C-alpha atoms as a PDB file:
ATOM      1  CA  UNK A   1      74.199 -92.952  11.577  1.00  0.00           C
ATOM      2  CA  UNK A   2      74.951 -96.302  13.197  1.00  0.00           C
ATOM      3  CA  UNK A   3      77.634 -94.434  15.233  1.00  0.00           C
ATOM      4  CA  UNK A   4      75.023 -94.258  18.086  1.00  0.00           C
ATOM      5  CA  UNK A   5      75.814 -97.749  19.510  1.00  0.00           C
ATOM      6  CA  UNK A   6      75.907 -97.274  23.275  1.00  0.00           C
ATOM      7  CA  UNK A   7      79.201 -97.192  25.019  1.00  0.00           C
ATOM      8  CA  UNK A   8      79.219 -97.890  28.751  1.00  0.00           C
ATOM      9  CA  UNK A   9      80.241-100.037  31.693  1.00  0.00           C
ATOM     10  CA  UNK A  10      78.510-103.158  32.832  1.00  0.00           C
ATOM     11  CA  UNK A  11      75.443-103.037  35.046  1.00  0.00           C
ATOM     12  CA  UNK A  12      71.877-101.685  35.005  1.00  0.00           C
ATOM     13  CA  UNK A  13      73.005 -98.147  34.260  1.00  0.00           C
ATOM     14  CA  UNK A  14      74.556 -99.412  31.020  1.00  0.00           C
ATOM     15  CA  UNK A  15      71.245-100.851  29.816  1.00  0.00           C
ATOM     16  CA  UNK A  16      69.444 -97.574  30.505  1.00  0.00           C
ATOM     17  CA  UNK A  17      72.234 -95.651  28.728  1.00  0.00           C
ATOM     18  CA  UNK A  18      71.921 -97.989  25.778  1.00  0.00           C
ATOM     19  CA  UNK A  19      68.096 -97.572  25.747  1.00  0.00           C
ATOM     20  CA  UNK A  20      68.347 -93.745  25.666  1.00  0.00           C
ATOM     21  CA  UNK A  21      71.116 -93.743  23.079  1.00  0.00           C
ATOM     22  CA  UNK A  22      69.153 -96.164  20.854  1.00  0.00           C
ATOM     23  CA  UNK A  23      66.101 -93.905  21.147  1.00  0.00           C
ATOM     24  CA  UNK A  24      68.110 -90.879  20.183  1.00  0.00           C
ATOM     25  CA  UNK A  25      69.429 -92.865  17.214  1.00  0.00           C
ATOM     26  CA  UNK A  26      65.809 -93.672  16.129  1.00  0.00           C
ATOM     27  CA  UNK A  27      64.809 -89.982  16.407  1.00  0.00           C
ATOM     28  CA  UNK A  28      67.811 -88.596  14.495  1.00  0.00           C
ATOM     29  CA  UNK A  29      67.879 -91.253  11.796  1.00  0.00           C
ATOM     30  CA  UNK A  30      64.075 -90.922  11.514  1.00  0.00           C
ATOM     31  CA  UNK A  31      64.264 -87.197  10.820  1.00  0.00           C
ATOM     32  CA  UNK A  32      66.921 -87.850   8.234  1.00  0.00           C
ATOM     33  CA  UNK A  33      64.623 -90.399   6.457  1.00  0.00           C
ATOM     34  CA  UNK A  34      61.709 -87.991   6.632  1.00  0.00           C
ATOM     35  CA  UNK A  35      63.840 -85.526   4.699  1.00  0.00           C
ATOM     36  CA  UNK A  36      64.874 -87.990   1.996  1.00  0.00           C
ATOM     37  CA  UNK A  37      62.297 -90.880   1.732  1.00  0.00           C
ATOM     38  CA  UNK A  38      59.784 -89.084  -0.477  1.00  0.00           C
ATOM     39  CA  UNK A  39      60.642 -88.126  -4.057  1.00  0.00           C
ATOM     40  CA  UNK A  40      58.705 -85.322  -5.796  1.00  0.00           C
ATOM     41  CA  UNK A  41      58.853 -82.036  -7.707  1.00  0.00           C
ATOM     42  CA  UNK A  42      60.252 -78.846  -6.312  1.00  0.00           C
ATOM     43  CA  UNK A  43      58.832 -75.456  -5.296  1.00  0.00           C
ATOM     44  CA  UNK A  44      60.751 -72.316  -4.249  1.00  0.00           C
ATOM     45  CA  UNK A  45      60.083 -68.891  -2.833  1.00  0.00           C
ATOM     46  CA  UNK A  46      61.911 -65.703  -1.754  1.00  0.00           C
ATOM     47  CA  UNK A  47      64.663 -63.815  -3.454  1.00  0.00           C
ATOM     48  CA  UNK A  48      65.183 -64.809  -7.098  1.00  0.00           C
ATOM     49  CA  UNK A  49      67.517 -62.121  -8.360  1.00  0.00           C
ATOM     50  CA  UNK A  50      70.020 -64.695  -9.707  1.00  0.00           C
ATOM     51  CA  UNK A  51      67.634 -67.472 -10.569  1.00  0.00           C
ATOM     52  CA  UNK A  52      67.981 -69.423  -7.295  1.00  0.00           C
ATOM     53  CA  UNK A  53      64.208 -70.007  -7.305  1.00  0.00           C
ATOM     54  CA  UNK A  54      63.948 -71.160 -10.948  1.00  0.00           C
ATOM     55  CA  UNK A  55      63.573 -74.754 -10.009  1.00  0.00           C
ATOM     56  CA  UNK A  56      64.078 -77.397 -12.528  1.00  0.00           C
ATOM     57  CA  UNK A  57      61.263 -79.690 -13.706  1.00  0.00           C
ATOM     58  CA  UNK A  58      60.908 -83.294 -12.761  1.00  0.00           C
ATOM     59  CA  UNK A  59      59.433 -85.214  -9.905  1.00  0.00           C
ATOM     60  CA  UNK A  60      62.386 -87.322  -8.697  1.00  0.00           C
ATOM     61  CA  UNK A  61      64.027 -85.059  -6.113  1.00  0.00           C
ATOM     62  CA  UNK A  62      64.737 -86.475  -2.646  1.00  0.00           C
ATOM     63  CA  UNK A  63      66.830 -83.748  -0.944  1.00  0.00           C
ATOM     64  CA  UNK A  64      67.409 -80.085  -1.394  1.00  0.00           C
ATOM     65  CA  UNK A  65      69.683 -77.341  -0.064  1.00  0.00           C
ATOM     66  CA  UNK A  66      69.417 -73.585  -0.434  1.00  0.00           C
ATOM     67  CA  UNK A  67      72.648 -71.555  -0.421  1.00  0.00           C
ATOM     68  CA  UNK A  68      73.541 -67.950  -0.658  1.00  0.00           C
ATOM     69  CA  UNK A  69      72.414 -67.413  -4.177  1.00  0.00           C
ATOM     70  CA  UNK A  70      72.191 -70.879  -5.583  1.00  0.00           C
ATOM     71  CA  UNK A  71      70.336 -74.151  -4.909  1.00  0.00           C
ATOM     72  CA  UNK A  72      71.310 -77.797  -5.048  1.00  0.00           C
ATOM     73  CA  UNK A  73      69.137 -80.864  -5.194  1.00  0.00           C
ATOM     74  CA  UNK A  74      69.671 -84.627  -5.008  1.00  0.00           C
ATOM     75  CA  UNK A  75      67.785 -86.909  -7.329  1.00  0.00           C
ATOM     76  CA  UNK A  76      66.410 -90.352  -6.539  1.00  0.00           C
ATOM     77  CA  UNK A  77      69.018 -91.832  -8.815  1.00  0.00           C
ATOM     78  CA  UNK A  78      71.826 -90.385  -6.657  1.00  0.00           C
ATOM     79  CA  UNK A  79      72.809 -87.555  -9.040  1.00  0.00           C
ATOM     80  CA  UNK A  80      73.025 -83.825  -8.349  1.00  0.00           C
ATOM     81  CA  UNK A  81      71.550 -80.762  -9.969  1.00  0.00           C
ATOM     82  CA  UNK A  82      72.191 -77.104  -9.159  1.00  0.00           C
ATOM     83  CA  UNK A  83      71.011 -73.699 -10.421  1.00  0.00           C
ATOM     84  CA  UNK A  84      71.231 -69.907  -9.618  1.00  0.00           C
ATOM     85  CA  UNK A  85      74.305 -67.841  -8.973  1.00  0.00           C
ATOM     86  CA  UNK A  86      77.398 -69.592 -10.457  1.00  0.00           C
ATOM     87  CA  UNK A  87      80.148 -67.003 -10.290  1.00  0.00           C
ATOM     88  CA  UNK A  88      82.442 -69.396  -8.449  1.00  0.00           C
ATOM     89  CA  UNK A  89      81.220 -72.565 -10.289  1.00  0.00           C
ATOM     90  CA  UNK A  90      79.164 -73.616  -7.198  1.00  0.00           C
ATOM     91  CA  UNK A  91      76.541 -74.845  -9.578  1.00  0.00           C
ATOM     92  CA  UNK A  92      78.887 -77.078 -11.578  1.00  0.00           C
ATOM     93  CA  UNK A  93      77.933 -80.319  -9.792  1.00  0.00           C
ATOM     94  CA  UNK A  94      80.331 -83.279 -10.076  1.00  0.00           C
ATOM     95  CA  UNK A  95      79.204 -86.228 -12.192  1.00  0.00           C
ATOM     96  CA  UNK A  96      78.088 -89.471 -10.662  1.00  0.00           C
ATOM     97  CA  UNK A  97      75.021 -91.158  -9.155  1.00  0.00           C
ATOM     98  CA  UNK A  98      76.380 -92.173  -5.860  1.00  0.00           C
ATOM     99  CA  UNK A  99      75.502 -89.117  -3.677  1.00  0.00           C
ATOM    100  CA  UNK A 100      73.413 -89.423  -0.583  1.00  0.00           C
ATOM    101  CA  UNK A 101      73.469 -85.982   0.956  1.00  0.00           C
ATOM    102  CA  UNK A 102      74.134 -82.351  -0.240  1.00  0.00           C
ATOM    103  CA  UNK A 103      74.485 -78.978   1.333  1.00  0.00           C
ATOM    104  CA  UNK A 104      75.054 -75.419  -0.043  1.00  0.00           C
ATOM    105  CA  UNK A 105      77.210 -72.686   1.329  1.00  0.00           C
ATOM    106  CA  UNK A 106      77.462 -69.135   0.007  1.00  0.00           C
ATOM    107  CA  UNK A 107      80.139 -69.557  -2.654  1.00  0.00           C
ATOM    108  CA  UNK A 108      80.518 -73.342  -2.581  1.00  0.00           C
ATOM    109  CA  UNK A 109      78.614 -76.639  -2.373  1.00  0.00           C
ATOM    110  CA  UNK A 110      79.329 -79.889  -0.510  1.00  0.00           C
ATOM    111  CA  UNK A 111      78.153 -83.438  -0.947  1.00  0.00           C
ATOM    112  CA  UNK A 112      78.532 -86.887   0.739  1.00  0.00           C
ATOM    113  CA  UNK A 113      79.041 -89.988  -1.395  1.00  0.00           C
ATOM    114  CA  UNK A 114      77.588 -93.381  -0.825  1.00  0.00           C
ATOM    115  CA  UNK A 115      81.085 -94.695   0.145  1.00  0.00           C
ATOM    116  CA  UNK A 116      81.354 -92.180   3.002  1.00  0.00           C
ATOM    117  CA  UNK A 117      83.718 -89.776   1.215  1.00  0.00           C
ATOM    118  CA  UNK A 118      83.195 -86.026   0.713  1.00  0.00           C
ATOM    119  CA  UNK A 119      83.469 -83.733  -2.353  1.00  0.00           C
ATOM    120  CA  UNK A 120      83.114 -79.935  -2.549  1.00  0.00           C
ATOM    121  CA  UNK A 121      83.141 -77.501  -5.429  1.00  0.00           C
ATOM    122  CA  UNK A 122      82.953 -73.768  -6.006  1.00  0.00           C
ATOM    123  CA  UNK A 123      85.149 -71.089  -4.434  1.00  0.00           C
ATOM    124  CA  UNK A 124      88.345 -72.436  -2.893  1.00  0.00           C
ATOM    125  CA  UNK A 125      89.174 -69.251  -0.969  1.00  0.00           C
ATOM    126  CA  UNK A 126      90.266 -70.038   2.563  1.00  0.00           C
ATOM    127  CA  UNK A 127      90.067 -73.764   1.765  1.00  0.00           C
ATOM    128  CA  UNK A 128      86.258 -73.950   1.542  1.00  0.00           C
ATOM    129  CA  UNK A 129      86.330 -76.942  -0.821  1.00  0.00           C
ATOM    130  CA  UNK A 130      89.502 -78.737   0.646  1.00  0.00           C
ATOM    131  CA  UNK A 131      87.511 -81.570   2.108  1.00  0.00           C
ATOM    132  CA  UNK A 132      89.194 -83.986   4.500  1.00  0.00           C
ATOM    133  CA  UNK A 133      90.182 -87.410   3.223  1.00  0.00           C
ATOM    134  CA  UNK A 134      88.412 -90.537   4.417  1.00  0.00           C
ATOM    135  CA  UNK A 135      85.419 -92.826   3.816  1.00  0.00           C
ATOM    136  CA  UNK A 136      83.907 -92.640   7.337  1.00  0.00           C
ATOM    137  CA  UNK A 137      81.619 -89.585   7.122  1.00  0.00           C
ATOM    138  CA  UNK A 138      77.947 -89.867   7.813  1.00  0.00           C
ATOM    139  CA  UNK A 139      76.713 -86.254   7.830  1.00  0.00           C
ATOM    140  CA  UNK A 140      77.753 -82.865   6.405  1.00  0.00           C
ATOM    141  CA  UNK A 141      76.898 -79.209   7.111  1.00  0.00           C
ATOM    142  CA  UNK A 142      77.935 -76.199   4.938  1.00  0.00           C
ATOM    143  CA  UNK A 143      77.946 -72.763   6.541  1.00  0.00           C
ATOM    144  CA  UNK A 144      78.467 -69.414   4.815  1.00  0.00           C
ATOM    145  CA  UNK A 145      82.237 -69.838   4.621  1.00  0.00           C
ATOM    146  CA  UNK A 146      83.122 -73.186   6.335  1.00  0.00           C
ATOM    147  CA  UNK A 147      81.928 -76.724   6.631  1.00  0.00           C
ATOM    148  CA  UNK A 148      81.555 -79.385   9.360  1.00  0.00           C
ATOM    149  CA  UNK A 149      81.364 -83.188   8.945  1.00  0.00           C
ATOM    150  CA  UNK A 150      80.463 -85.960  11.307  1.00  0.00           C
ATOM    151  CA  UNK A 151      82.531 -89.199  11.206  1.00  0.00           C
ATOM    152  CA  UNK A 152      81.078 -92.536  11.875  1.00  0.00           C
ATOM    153  CA  UNK A 153      82.929 -92.750  15.212  1.00  0.00           C
ATOM    154  CA  UNK A 154      80.941 -89.691  16.411  1.00  0.00           C
ATOM    155  CA  UNK A 155      83.853 -87.285  16.048  1.00  0.00           C
ATOM    156  CA  UNK A 156      83.774 -83.886  14.230  1.00  0.00           C
ATOM    157  CA  UNK A 157      85.992 -82.276  11.598  1.00  0.00           C
ATOM    158  CA  UNK A 158      85.807 -78.683  10.143  1.00  0.00           C
ATOM    159  CA  UNK A 159      87.453 -76.822   7.340  1.00  0.00           C
ATOM    160  CA  UNK A 160      87.255 -73.533   5.639  1.00  0.00           C
ATOM    161  CA  UNK A 161      87.508 -69.863   6.831  1.00  0.00           C
ATOM    162  CA  UNK A 162      88.825 -69.494  10.347  1.00  0.00           C
ATOM    163  CA  UNK A 163      88.132 -73.123  11.434  1.00  0.00           C
ATOM    164  CA  UNK A 164      91.760 -73.143  12.679  1.00  0.00           C
ATOM    165  CA  UNK A 165      90.780 -70.369  15.075  1.00  0.00           C
ATOM    166  CA  UNK A 166      87.524 -72.119  16.134  1.00  0.00           C
ATOM    167  CA  UNK A 167      88.117 -75.852  15.821  1.00  0.00           C
ATOM    168  CA  UNK A 168      85.285 -78.236  16.648  1.00  0.00           C
ATOM    169  CA  UNK A 169      85.136 -79.672  20.146  1.00  0.00           C
ATOM    170  CA  UNK A 170      86.765 -83.011  20.757  1.00  0.00           C
ATOM    171  CA  UNK A 171      84.797 -86.200  21.647  1.00  0.00           C
ATOM    172  CA  UNK A 172      83.081 -89.135  19.937  1.00  0.00           C
ATOM    173  CA  UNK A 173      79.551 -88.640  21.135  1.00  0.00           C
ATOM    174  CA  UNK A 174      78.148 -86.326  18.480  1.00  0.00           C
ATOM    175  CA  UNK A 175      75.064 -87.314  16.439  1.00  0.00           C
ATOM    176  CA  UNK A 176      74.019 -84.254  14.493  1.00  0.00           C
ATOM    177  CA  UNK A 177      75.650 -81.048  13.138  1.00  0.00           C
ATOM    178  CA  UNK A 178      74.819 -77.619  11.741  1.00  0.00           C
ATOM    179  CA  UNK A 179      76.822 -74.689  10.286  1.00  0.00           C
ATOM    180  CA  UNK A 180      75.812 -71.056  10.332  1.00  0.00           C
ATOM    181  CA  UNK A 181      77.384 -67.811   9.246  1.00  0.00           C
ATOM    182  CA  UNK A 182      80.545 -67.938  11.414  1.00  0.00           C
ATOM    183  CA  UNK A 183      79.515 -70.518  14.024  1.00  0.00           C
ATOM    184  CA  UNK A 184      78.712 -74.226  14.180  1.00  0.00           C
ATOM    185  CA  UNK A 185      76.488 -76.446  16.384  1.00  0.00           C
ATOM    186  CA  UNK A 186      76.249 -80.035  17.278  1.00  0.00           C
ATOM    187  CA  UNK A 187      74.020 -82.419  19.286  1.00  0.00           C
ATOM    188  CA  UNK A 188      75.592 -84.957  21.611  1.00  0.00           C
ATOM    189  CA  UNK A 189      74.295 -88.474  22.102  1.00  0.00           C
ATOM    190  CA  UNK A 190      72.670 -87.447  25.346  1.00  0.00           C
ATOM    191  CA  UNK A 191      70.619 -84.839  23.538  1.00  0.00           C
ATOM    192  CA  UNK A 192      72.557 -81.784  24.736  1.00  0.00           C
ATOM    193  CA  UNK A 193      73.879 -78.967  22.501  1.00  0.00           C
ATOM    194  CA  UNK A 194      77.298 -77.493  21.982  1.00  0.00           C
ATOM    195  CA  UNK A 195      78.242 -74.430  19.909  1.00  0.00           C
ATOM    196  CA  UNK A 196      81.552 -72.922  18.760  1.00  0.00           C
ATOM    197  CA  UNK A 197      82.853 -69.965  16.677  1.00  0.00           C
ATOM    198  CA  UNK A 198      81.843 -66.323  16.607  1.00  0.00           C
ATOM    199  CA  UNK A 199      79.641 -65.344  19.381  1.00  0.00           C
ATOM    200  CA  UNK A 200      79.016 -61.631  18.945  1.00  0.00           C
ATOM    201  CA  UNK A 201      75.263 -62.097  19.062  1.00  0.00           C
ATOM    202  CA  UNK A 202      75.133 -64.989  21.505  1.00  0.00           C
ATOM    203  CA  UNK A 203      74.625 -67.568  18.693  1.00  0.00           C
ATOM    204  CA  UNK A 204      76.715 -70.192  20.423  1.00  0.00           C
ATOM    205  CA  UNK A 205      75.158 -69.644  23.901  1.00  0.00           C
ATOM    206  CA  UNK A 206      73.200 -72.824  23.570  1.00  0.00           C
ATOM    207  CA  UNK A 207      70.127 -73.532  25.837  1.00  0.00           C
ATOM    208  CA  UNK A 208      70.338 -76.057  28.665  1.00  0.00           C
ATOM    209  CA  UNK A 209      68.694 -79.411  28.313  1.00  0.00           C
ATOM    210  CA  UNK A 210      69.166 -82.809  26.861  1.00  0.00           C
ATOM    211  CA  UNK A 211      66.066 -83.211  24.774  1.00  0.00           C
ATOM    212  CA  UNK A 212      67.191 -81.714  21.453  1.00  0.00           C
ATOM    213  CA  UNK A 213      66.715 -83.642  18.208  1.00  0.00           C
ATOM    214  CA  UNK A 214      67.532 -81.172  15.465  1.00  0.00           C
ATOM    215  CA  UNK A 215      69.595 -77.950  15.086  1.00  0.00           C
ATOM    216  CA  UNK A 216      69.994 -75.267  12.417  1.00  0.00           C
ATOM    217  CA  UNK A 217      72.496 -72.393  12.028  1.00  0.00           C
ATOM    218  CA  UNK A 218      71.482 -69.087  10.573  1.00  0.00           C
ATOM    219  CA  UNK A 219      73.696 -66.152   9.729  1.00  0.00           C
ATOM    220  CA  UNK A 220      73.865 -64.835  13.364  1.00  0.00           C
ATOM    221  CA  UNK A 221      71.210 -66.937  15.149  1.00  0.00           C
ATOM    222  CA  UNK A 222      70.652 -70.536  15.965  1.00  0.00           C
ATOM    223  CA  UNK A 223      67.532 -72.703  16.037  1.00  0.00           C
ATOM    224  CA  UNK A 224      66.786 -76.075  17.684  1.00  0.00           C
ATOM    225  CA  UNK A 225      63.948 -78.542  17.867  1.00  0.00           C
ATOM    226  CA  UNK A 226      63.074 -80.294  21.166  1.00  0.00           C
ATOM    227  CA  UNK A 227      61.843 -83.880  21.506  1.00  0.00           C
ATOM    228  CA  UNK A 228      58.425 -82.545  22.558  1.00  0.00           C
ATOM    229  CA  UNK A 229      58.094 -80.771  19.166  1.00  0.00           C
ATOM    230  CA  UNK A 230      58.667 -77.277  20.414  1.00  0.00           C
ATOM    231  CA  UNK A 231      61.195 -74.715  19.093  1.00  0.00           C
ATOM    232  CA  UNK A 232      63.851 -72.573  20.662  1.00  0.00           C
ATOM    233  CA  UNK A 233      65.953 -69.843  18.990  1.00  0.00           C
ATOM    234  CA  UNK A 234      68.885 -67.770  20.336  1.00  0.00           C
ATOM    235  CA  UNK A 235      71.516 -65.281  19.108  1.00  0.00           C
ATOM    236  CA  UNK A 236      70.662 -62.152  17.030  1.00  0.00           C
ATOM    237  CA  UNK A 237      67.058 -61.309  17.219  1.00  0.00           C
ATOM    238  CA  UNK A 238      66.945 -59.017  14.213  1.00  0.00           C
ATOM    239  CA  UNK A 239      63.412 -58.805  12.780  1.00  0.00           C
ATOM    240  CA  UNK A 240      62.121 -61.168  15.548  1.00  0.00           C
ATOM    241  CA  UNK A 241      63.894 -64.217  14.262  1.00  0.00           C
ATOM    242  CA  UNK A 242      64.202 -65.571  17.762  1.00  0.00           C
ATOM    243  CA  UNK A 243      60.433 -65.167  18.411  1.00  0.00           C
ATOM    244  CA  UNK A 244      59.654 -68.786  17.515  1.00  0.00           C
ATOM    245  CA  UNK A 245      56.053 -69.809  16.876  1.00  0.00           C
ATOM    246  CA  UNK A 246      54.294 -71.638  19.810  1.00  0.00           C
ATOM    247  CA  UNK A 247      53.243 -75.169  19.634  1.00  0.00           C
ATOM    248  CA  UNK A 248      54.486 -78.812  20.026  1.00  0.00           C
ATOM    249  CA  UNK A 249      53.857 -80.055  16.574  1.00  0.00           C
ATOM    250  CA  UNK A 250      57.096 -79.215  14.724  1.00  0.00           C
ATOM    251  CA  UNK A 251      59.232 -81.921  13.139  1.00  0.00           C
ATOM    252  CA  UNK A 252      61.914 -80.151  11.007  1.00  0.00           C
ATOM    253  CA  UNK A 253      63.667 -76.847  10.925  1.00  0.00           C
ATOM    254  CA  UNK A 254      65.960 -74.693   8.682  1.00  0.00           C
ATOM    255  CA  UNK A 255      67.581 -71.321   9.393  1.00  0.00           C
ATOM    256  CA  UNK A 256      68.463 -68.548   6.846  1.00  0.00           C
ATOM    257  CA  UNK A 257      70.034 -65.187   7.053  1.00  0.00           C
ATOM    258  CA  UNK A 258      67.648 -63.505   9.422  1.00  0.00           C
ATOM    259  CA  UNK A 259      64.641 -65.754   9.153  1.00  0.00           C
ATOM    260  CA  UNK A 260      63.755 -69.329   9.889  1.00  0.00           C
ATOM    261  CA  UNK A 261      61.301 -71.927   8.612  1.00  0.00           C
ATOM    262  CA  UNK A 262      59.821 -75.002  10.374  1.00  0.00           C
ATOM    263  CA  UNK A 263      57.642 -77.865   9.177  1.00  0.00           C
ATOM    264  CA  UNK A 264      54.752 -79.083  11.259  1.00  0.00           C
ATOM    265  CA  UNK A 265      53.590 -82.657  11.747  1.00  0.00           C
ATOM    266  CA  UNK A 266      50.842 -82.128   9.296  1.00  0.00           C
ATOM    267  CA  UNK A 267      53.359 -81.233   6.550  1.00  0.00           C
ATOM    268  CA  UNK A 268      52.728 -77.533   6.446  1.00  0.00           C
ATOM    269  CA  UNK A 269      55.455 -74.915   6.654  1.00  0.00           C
ATOM    270  CA  UNK A 270      55.640 -71.781   8.817  1.00  0.00           C
ATOM    271  CA  UNK A 271      58.195 -68.937   8.679  1.00  0.00           C
ATOM    272  CA  UNK A 272      59.219 -65.962  10.770  1.00  0.00           C
ATOM    273  CA  UNK A 273      61.801 -63.155  10.763  1.00  0.00           C
ATOM    274  CA  UNK A 274      63.042 -60.939   7.993  1.00  0.00           C
ATOM    275  CA  UNK A 275      60.544 -60.953   5.052  1.00  0.00           C
ATOM    276  CA  UNK A 276      61.687 -58.122   2.757  1.00  0.00           C
ATOM    277  CA  UNK A 277      61.993 -60.286  -0.381  1.00  0.00           C
ATOM    278  CA  UNK A 278      59.287 -62.833   0.255  1.00  0.00           C
ATOM    279  CA  UNK A 279      61.518 -65.350   2.186  1.00  0.00           C
ATOM    280  CA  UNK A 280      58.782 -65.909   4.748  1.00  0.00           C
ATOM    281  CA  UNK A 281      56.041 -66.313   2.137  1.00  0.00           C
ATOM    282  CA  UNK A 282      56.084 -70.042   2.323  1.00  0.00           C
ATOM    283  CA  UNK A 283      53.770 -71.870   0.018  1.00  0.00           C
ATOM    284  CA  UNK A 284      50.485 -72.923   1.457  1.00  0.00           C
ATOM    285  CA  UNK A 285      49.440 -76.531   1.934  1.00  0.00           C
ATOM    286  CA  UNK A 286      50.291 -79.509   4.108  1.00  0.00           C
ATOM    287  CA  UNK A 287      52.132 -81.718   1.653  1.00  0.00           C
ATOM    288  CA  UNK A 288      55.806 -80.751   1.997  1.00  0.00           C
ATOM    289  CA  UNK A 289      58.690 -83.019   2.562  1.00  0.00           C
ATOM    290  CA  UNK A 290      62.357 -82.071   2.634  1.00  0.00           C
ATOM    291  CA  UNK A 291      62.942 -78.295   2.592  1.00  0.00           C
ATOM    292  CA  UNK A 292      65.786 -75.851   3.118  1.00  0.00           C
ATOM    293  CA  UNK A 293      66.292 -72.142   3.379  1.00  0.00           C
ATOM    294  CA  UNK A 294      69.307 -70.144   2.307  1.00  0.00           C
ATOM    295  CA  UNK A 295      70.362 -66.489   2.579  1.00  0.00           C
ATOM    296  CA  UNK A 296      66.998 -65.166   1.471  1.00  0.00           C
ATOM    297  CA  UNK A 297      65.185 -67.952  -0.325  1.00  0.00           C
ATOM    298  CA  UNK A 298      63.720 -71.319   0.357  1.00  0.00           C
ATOM    299  CA  UNK A 299      63.073 -74.554  -1.528  1.00  0.00           C
ATOM    300  CA  UNK A 300      60.982 -77.654  -0.787  1.00  0.00           C
ATOM    301  CA  UNK A 301      59.929 -80.900  -2.222  1.00  0.00           C
ATOM    302  CA  UNK A 302      56.284 -81.641  -2.854  1.00  0.00           C
ATOM    303  CA  UNK A 303      56.150 -85.447  -2.472  1.00  0.00           C
ATOM    304  CA  UNK A 304      54.116 -87.965  -4.356  1.00  0.00           C
ATOM    305  CA  UNK A 305      51.333 -89.644  -2.298  1.00  0.00           C
ATOM    306  CA  UNK A 306      52.609 -90.601   1.092  1.00  0.00           C
ATOM    307  CA  UNK A 307      54.182 -94.012   1.244  1.00  0.00           C
ATOM    308  CA  UNK A 308      53.904 -96.642   3.887  1.00  0.00           C
ATOM    309  CA  UNK A 309      57.662 -96.065   4.537  1.00  0.00           C
ATOM    310  CA  UNK A 310      57.023 -92.410   5.231  1.00  0.00           C
ATOM    311  CA  UNK A 311      54.166 -93.131   7.542  1.00  0.00           C
ATOM    312  CA  UNK A 312      56.106 -95.826   9.457  1.00  0.00           C
ATOM    313  CA  UNK A 313      59.207 -93.573   9.750  1.00  0.00           C
ATOM    314  CA  UNK A 314      57.105 -90.761  11.240  1.00  0.00           C
ATOM    315  CA  UNK A 315      55.554 -93.144  13.708  1.00  0.00           C
ATOM    316  CA  UNK A 316      58.982 -94.334  14.787  1.00  0.00           C
ATOM    317  CA  UNK A 317      60.293 -90.860  15.246  1.00  0.00           C
ATOM    318  CA  UNK A 318      57.412 -89.729  17.500  1.00  0.00           C
ATOM    319  CA  UNK A 319      57.307 -93.034  19.446  1.00  0.00           C
ATOM    320  CA  UNK A 320      61.033 -92.657  20.255  1.00  0.00           C
ATOM    321  CA  UNK A 321      60.513 -89.067  21.210  1.00  0.00           C
ATOM    322  CA  UNK A 322      57.687 -89.994  23.492  1.00  0.00           C
ATOM    323  CA  UNK A 323      59.735 -92.641  25.384  1.00  0.00           C
ATOM    324  CA  UNK A 324      62.598 -90.258  25.799  1.00  0.00           C
ATOM    325  CA  UNK A 325      60.233 -87.825  27.527  1.00  0.00           C
ATOM    326  CA  UNK A 326      59.067 -90.619  29.852  1.00  0.00           C
ATOM    327  CA  UNK A 327      62.595 -91.648  30.706  1.00  0.00           C
ATOM    328  CA  UNK A 328      63.427 -88.071  31.680  1.00  0.00           C
ATOM    329  CA  UNK A 329      60.653 -88.018  34.377  1.00  0.00           C
END
């Protein structure tokens, strides 16, 4: 995400803008590394009616994504693997070992290649897998029926169901994205949020502030992580999904149908919301790396012993977040 180079006029204000933007870059990039730097085996929980929790063996997974009834994982060699519901071929991953990111929707899957291009597979209804052309993409987000991608220049593009009705906002200052049921979210370089799409439950009524570092879109609710490590959720509050746990030690988030999961600084997971099929029964321990939740299941990576890179990355993330808080005073 080198798109975060500061843009501004000459003078002292420019230097401060560049400092703040660089710090946001460190935070966002750091969280991305924390979710991909450690390889390890998989563990899953929640609904398993179509085998979405029947994780494959092996200890070389570096990223995961839980979809509607299927799951997708990225291996350390850059290849993909998927399992679970495959009625629309959403588990028929493309060949190759040049993938760097993956995300799963309900009836389709989406991946980002090393060269910055996109590929999607599964149901093509409403153009779900008609990815835009280009080699300048740096981040992807698959919702239930649509997708959003972030370009290197900081602009957004969306495709799939009803994205013509609710196009993404214009601008070149976006640094992170998320896609939910019928809505999408993004973080601007100044740390503020923007939402668009269906708003029947207030899921795009984003909170004020410019201290957000991560976002997640559920079916009808949204979740965000602040620089101070606290959580905020809005939209549909079915089953108490907006009643986020207290604390300032959270470092990563993911939102499902009517539940959410967050990872704490110590590596443990916590969940809240709907728990009718065990989707909130997160595994115990404080050794989890990348994780993701789908409609009613979750999947996580149990890393090998923590590497120096992982420790250094975590230190950079929290140092940058601390400086951002000081600059806001």
